[in-house]
Amino acid sequence: MNSDRTLGSFSLFVAYLFAVSCTPNASIAQGPSTDFQFPHLSMSQSITAAGDWTRANADAYARYAQGNLYYAEARKKLAEAVDLELDNYLKYAETYYDRRIERERSKLEIAEIYEERKDKYVEYRRNA
């Protein structure tokens, strides 16, 4: 896609140079004038302007490419951040369920201790 743009820009540049070189000078077309313009000066000015235009285009393309690199870097950092966030959520979920299981075990242990004490008390009351 960039090669199409570059080729299009180059063809515009060539068409511009051709048009400038074929266009008669305005003062020459109107007839004799007191201020004579040298044709090679207008041609060199046109080439300078076209060169400036080409350099500006090249600079714009370079900045566009640099912007793409920055965007790619930002996407990588975002992907890393999302990955870390998912890891943190997984750790949170594992911790939550581990604590829940531990809480249920401790409840069962308390219930077993209560049953043992109750059985001992009932046995004590029967023997008394």
C-alpha atoms as a PDB file:
ATOM      1  CA  MET A   1       0.000   0.000   0.000  1.00  0.00           C
ATOM      2  CA  ASN A   2       2.873   2.398   0.761  1.00  0.00           C
ATOM      3  CA  SER A   3       4.470   1.647  -2.602  1.00  0.00           C
ATOM      4  CA  ASP A   4       1.225   2.715  -4.304  1.00  0.00           C
ATOM      5  CA  ARG A   5       1.282   6.014  -2.410  1.00  0.00           C
ATOM      6  CA  THR A   6       4.946   6.566  -3.190  1.00  0.00           C
ATOM      7  CA  LEU A   7       4.406   5.753  -6.855  1.00  0.00           C
ATOM      8  CA  GLY A   8       1.424   8.117  -6.931  1.00  0.00           C
ATOM      9  CA  SER A   9       3.437  10.889  -5.299  1.00  0.00           C
ATOM     10  CA  PHE A  10       6.293  10.376  -7.745  1.00  0.00           C
ATOM     11  CA  SER A  11       3.970  10.447 -10.751  1.00  0.00           C
ATOM     12  CA  LEU A  12       2.397  13.676  -9.450  1.00  0.00           C
ATOM     13  CA  PHE A  13       5.859  15.134  -9.068  1.00  0.00           C
ATOM     14  CA  VAL A  14       6.803  14.185 -12.654  1.00  0.00           C
ATOM     15  CA  ALA A  15       3.510  15.586 -13.993  1.00  0.00           C
ATOM     16  CA  TYR A  16       4.121  18.805 -12.078  1.00  0.00           C
ATOM     17  CA  LEU A  17       7.631  19.161 -13.504  1.00  0.00           C
ATOM     18  CA  PHE A  18       6.356  18.483 -17.003  1.00  0.00           C
ATOM     19  CA  ALA A  19       3.568  21.053 -16.650  1.00  0.00           C
ATOM     20  CA  VAL A  20       5.943  23.676 -15.300  1.00  0.00           C
ATOM     21  CA  SER A  21       8.477  23.096 -18.038  1.00  0.00           C
ATOM     22  CA  CYS A  22       5.838  23.304 -20.807  1.00  0.00           C
ATOM     23  CA  THR A  23       3.981  26.350 -19.500  1.00  0.00           C
ATOM     24  CA  PRO A  24       5.111  29.633 -21.085  1.00  0.00           C
ATOM     25  CA  ASN A  25       6.168  32.389 -18.774  1.00  0.00           C
ATOM     26  CA  ALA A  26       3.308  34.858 -18.159  1.00  0.00           C
ATOM     27  CA  SER A  27       5.371  37.926 -19.040  1.00  0.00           C
ATOM     28  CA  ILE A  28       6.534  36.327 -22.302  1.00  0.00           C
ATOM     29  CA  ALA A  29       2.944  35.404 -23.258  1.00  0.00           C
ATOM     30  CA  GLN A  30       1.792  39.011 -22.754  1.00  0.00           C
ATOM     31  CA  GLY A  31       4.463  40.430 -24.972  1.00  0.00           C
ATOM     32  CA  PRO A  32       7.620  42.444 -24.371  1.00  0.00           C
ATOM     33  CA  SER A  33       8.077  43.610 -20.835  1.00  0.00           C
ATOM     34  CA  THR A  34      10.561  45.735 -18.995  1.00  0.00           C
ATOM     35  CA  ASP A  35      11.285  43.059 -16.385  1.00  0.00           C
ATOM     36  CA  PHE A  36      12.770  40.112 -18.204  1.00  0.00           C
ATOM     37  CA  GLN A  37      12.727  36.766 -16.363  1.00  0.00           C
ATOM     38  CA  PHE A  38      15.298  34.146 -17.096  1.00  0.00           C
ATOM     39  CA  PRO A  39      13.595  30.828 -17.890  1.00  0.00           C
ATOM     40  CA  HIS A  40      16.216  28.749 -16.078  1.00  0.00           C
ATOM     41  CA  LEU A  41      15.452  30.609 -12.827  1.00  0.00           C
ATOM     42  CA  SER A  42      11.770  29.709 -12.933  1.00  0.00           C
ATOM     43  CA  MET A  43      12.703  26.099 -13.707  1.00  0.00           C
ATOM     44  CA  SER A  44      15.140  25.935 -10.775  1.00  0.00           C
ATOM     45  CA  GLN A  45      12.549  27.515  -8.496  1.00  0.00           C
ATOM     46  CA  SER A  46      10.032  24.881  -9.616  1.00  0.00           C
ATOM     47  CA  ILE A  47      12.527  22.095  -8.974  1.00  0.00           C
ATOM     48  CA  THR A  48      13.297  23.526  -5.534  1.00  0.00           C
ATOM     49  CA  ALA A  49       9.581  23.744  -4.696  1.00  0.00           C
ATOM     50  CA  ALA A  50       8.997  20.197  -5.919  1.00  0.00           C
ATOM     51  CA  GLY A  51      11.974  18.994  -3.875  1.00  0.00           C
ATOM     52  CA  ASP A  52      10.598  20.705  -0.783  1.00  0.00           C
ATOM     53  CA  TRP A  53       7.229  19.094  -1.434  1.00  0.00           C
ATOM     54  CA  THR A  54       8.844  15.661  -1.848  1.00  0.00           C
ATOM     55  CA  ARG A  55      10.899  16.082   1.326  1.00  0.00           C
ATOM     56  CA  ALA A  56       7.769  17.123   3.236  1.00  0.00           C
ATOM     57  CA  ASN A  57       5.965  14.031   1.942  1.00  0.00           C
ATOM     58  CA  ALA A  58       8.873  11.807   2.950  1.00  0.00           C
ATOM     59  CA  ASP A  59       8.914  13.379   6.398  1.00  0.00           C
ATOM     60  CA  ALA A  60       5.162  12.824   6.743  1.00  0.00           C
ATOM     61  CA  TYR A  61       5.530   9.158   5.765  1.00  0.00           C
ATOM     62  CA  ALA A  62       8.391   8.726   8.227  1.00  0.00           C
ATOM     63  CA  ARG A  63       6.324  10.234  11.030  1.00  0.00           C
ATOM     64  CA  TYR A  64       3.363   8.035  10.053  1.00  0.00           C
ATOM     65  CA  ALA A  65       5.601   4.963  10.254  1.00  0.00           C
ATOM     66  CA  GLN A  66       6.939   6.094  13.629  1.00  0.00           C
ATOM     67  CA  GLY A  67       3.352   6.530  14.811  1.00  0.00           C
ATOM     68  CA  ASN A  68       2.623   2.954  13.762  1.00  0.00           C
ATOM     69  CA  LEU A  69       5.606   1.772  15.803  1.00  0.00           C
ATOM     70  CA  TYR A  70       4.385   3.696  18.859  1.00  0.00           C
ATOM     71  CA  TYR A  71       0.897   2.236  18.393  1.00  0.00           C
ATOM     72  CA  ALA A  72       2.311  -1.303  18.179  1.00  0.00           C
ATOM     73  CA  GLU A  73       4.333  -0.721  21.347  1.00  0.00           C
ATOM     74  CA  ALA A  74       1.226   0.570  23.133  1.00  0.00           C
ATOM     75  CA  ARG A  75      -0.725  -2.527  22.097  1.00  0.00           C
ATOM     76  CA  LYS A  76       2.042  -4.776  23.448  1.00  0.00           C
ATOM     77  CA  LYS A  77       2.001  -2.955  26.781  1.00  0.00           C
ATOM     78  CA  LEU A  78      -1.787  -3.186  26.929  1.00  0.00           C
ATOM     79  CA  ALA A  79      -1.631  -6.938  26.265  1.00  0.00           C
ATOM     80  CA  GLU A  80       0.929  -7.339  29.062  1.00  0.00           C
ATOM     81  CA  ALA A  81      -1.262  -5.324  31.428  1.00  0.00           C
ATOM     82  CA  VAL A  82      -4.319  -7.443  30.627  1.00  0.00           C
ATOM     83  CA  ASP A  83      -2.264 -10.611  31.147  1.00  0.00           C
ATOM     84  CA  LEU A  84      -1.070  -9.389  34.550  1.00  0.00           C
ATOM     85  CA  GLU A  85      -4.610  -8.424  35.508  1.00  0.00           C
ATOM     86  CA  LEU A  86      -5.862 -11.912  34.634  1.00  0.00           C
ATOM     87  CA  ASP A  87      -3.039 -13.455  36.672  1.00  0.00           C
ATOM     88  CA  ASN A  88      -3.988 -11.305  39.660  1.00  0.00           C
ATOM     89  CA  TYR A  89      -7.646 -12.306  39.317  1.00  0.00           C
ATOM     90  CA  LEU A  90      -6.669 -15.995  39.151  1.00  0.00           C
ATOM     91  CA  LYS A  91      -4.552 -15.636  42.313  1.00  0.00           C
ATOM     92  CA  TYR A  92      -7.448 -13.877  44.049  1.00  0.00           C
ATOM     93  CA  ALA A  93      -9.888 -16.653  43.086  1.00  0.00           C
ATOM     94  CA  GLU A  94      -7.497 -19.404  44.211  1.00  0.00           C
ATOM     95  CA  THR A  95      -6.895 -17.658  47.527  1.00  0.00           C
ATOM     96  CA  TYR A  96     -10.630 -17.146  48.070  1.00  0.00           C
ATOM     97  CA  TYR A  97     -11.476 -20.806  47.515  1.00  0.00           C
ATOM     98  CA  ASP A  98      -8.489 -22.038  49.534  1.00  0.00           C
ATOM     99  CA  ARG A  99      -9.642 -19.934  52.481  1.00  0.00           C
ATOM    100  CA  ARG A 100     -13.210 -21.104  52.022  1.00  0.00           C
ATOM    101  CA  ILE A 101     -12.128 -24.751  52.102  1.00  0.00           C
ATOM    102  CA  GLU A 102     -10.015 -24.089  55.190  1.00  0.00           C
ATOM    103  CA  ARG A 103     -12.965 -22.398  56.891  1.00  0.00           C
ATOM    104  CA  GLU A 104     -15.220 -25.390  56.139  1.00  0.00           C
ATOM    105  CA  ARG A 105     -12.567 -27.781  57.520  1.00  0.00           C
ATOM    106  CA  SER A 106     -12.286 -25.770  60.694  1.00  0.00           C
ATOM    107  CA  LYS A 107     -16.094 -25.822  61.066  1.00  0.00           C
ATOM    108  CA  LEU A 108     -16.051 -29.604  60.663  1.00  0.00           C
ATOM    109  CA  GLU A 109     -13.282 -29.925  63.248  1.00  0.00           C
ATOM    110  CA  ILE A 110     -15.259 -27.771  65.668  1.00  0.00           C
ATOM    111  CA  ALA A 111     -18.356 -29.868  64.980  1.00  0.00           C
ATOM    112  CA  GLU A 112     -16.401 -33.087  65.602  1.00  0.00           C
ATOM    113  CA  ILE A 113     -14.997 -31.715  68.871  1.00  0.00           C
ATOM    114  CA  TYR A 114     -18.519 -30.693  69.900  1.00  0.00           C
ATOM    115  CA  GLU A 115     -19.874 -34.173  69.094  1.00  0.00           C
ATOM    116  CA  GLU A 116     -17.062 -35.846  71.067  1.00  0.00           C
ATOM    117  CA  ARG A 117     -17.710 -33.619  74.092  1.00  0.00           C
ATOM    118  CA  LYS A 118     -21.442 -34.177  73.807  1.00  0.00           C
ATOM    119  CA  ASP A 119     -20.910 -37.950  73.651  1.00  0.00           C
ATOM    120  CA  LYS A 120     -18.605 -37.775  76.684  1.00  0.00           C
ATOM    121  CA  TYR A 121     -21.173 -35.694  78.582  1.00  0.00           C
ATOM    122  CA  VAL A 122     -23.990 -38.118  77.728  1.00  0.00           C
ATOM    123  CA  GLU A 123     -21.795 -41.054  78.774  1.00  0.00           C
ATOM    124  CA  TYR A 124     -20.916 -39.230  81.984  1.00  0.00           C
ATOM    125  CA  ARG A 125     -24.615 -38.568  82.747  1.00  0.00           C
ATOM    126  CA  ARG A 126     -25.511 -42.220  82.123  1.00  0.00           C
ATOM    127  CA  ASN A 127     -22.825 -43.432  84.464  1.00  0.00           C
ATOM    128  CA  ALA A 128     -23.631 -40.939  87.158  1.00  0.00           C
END
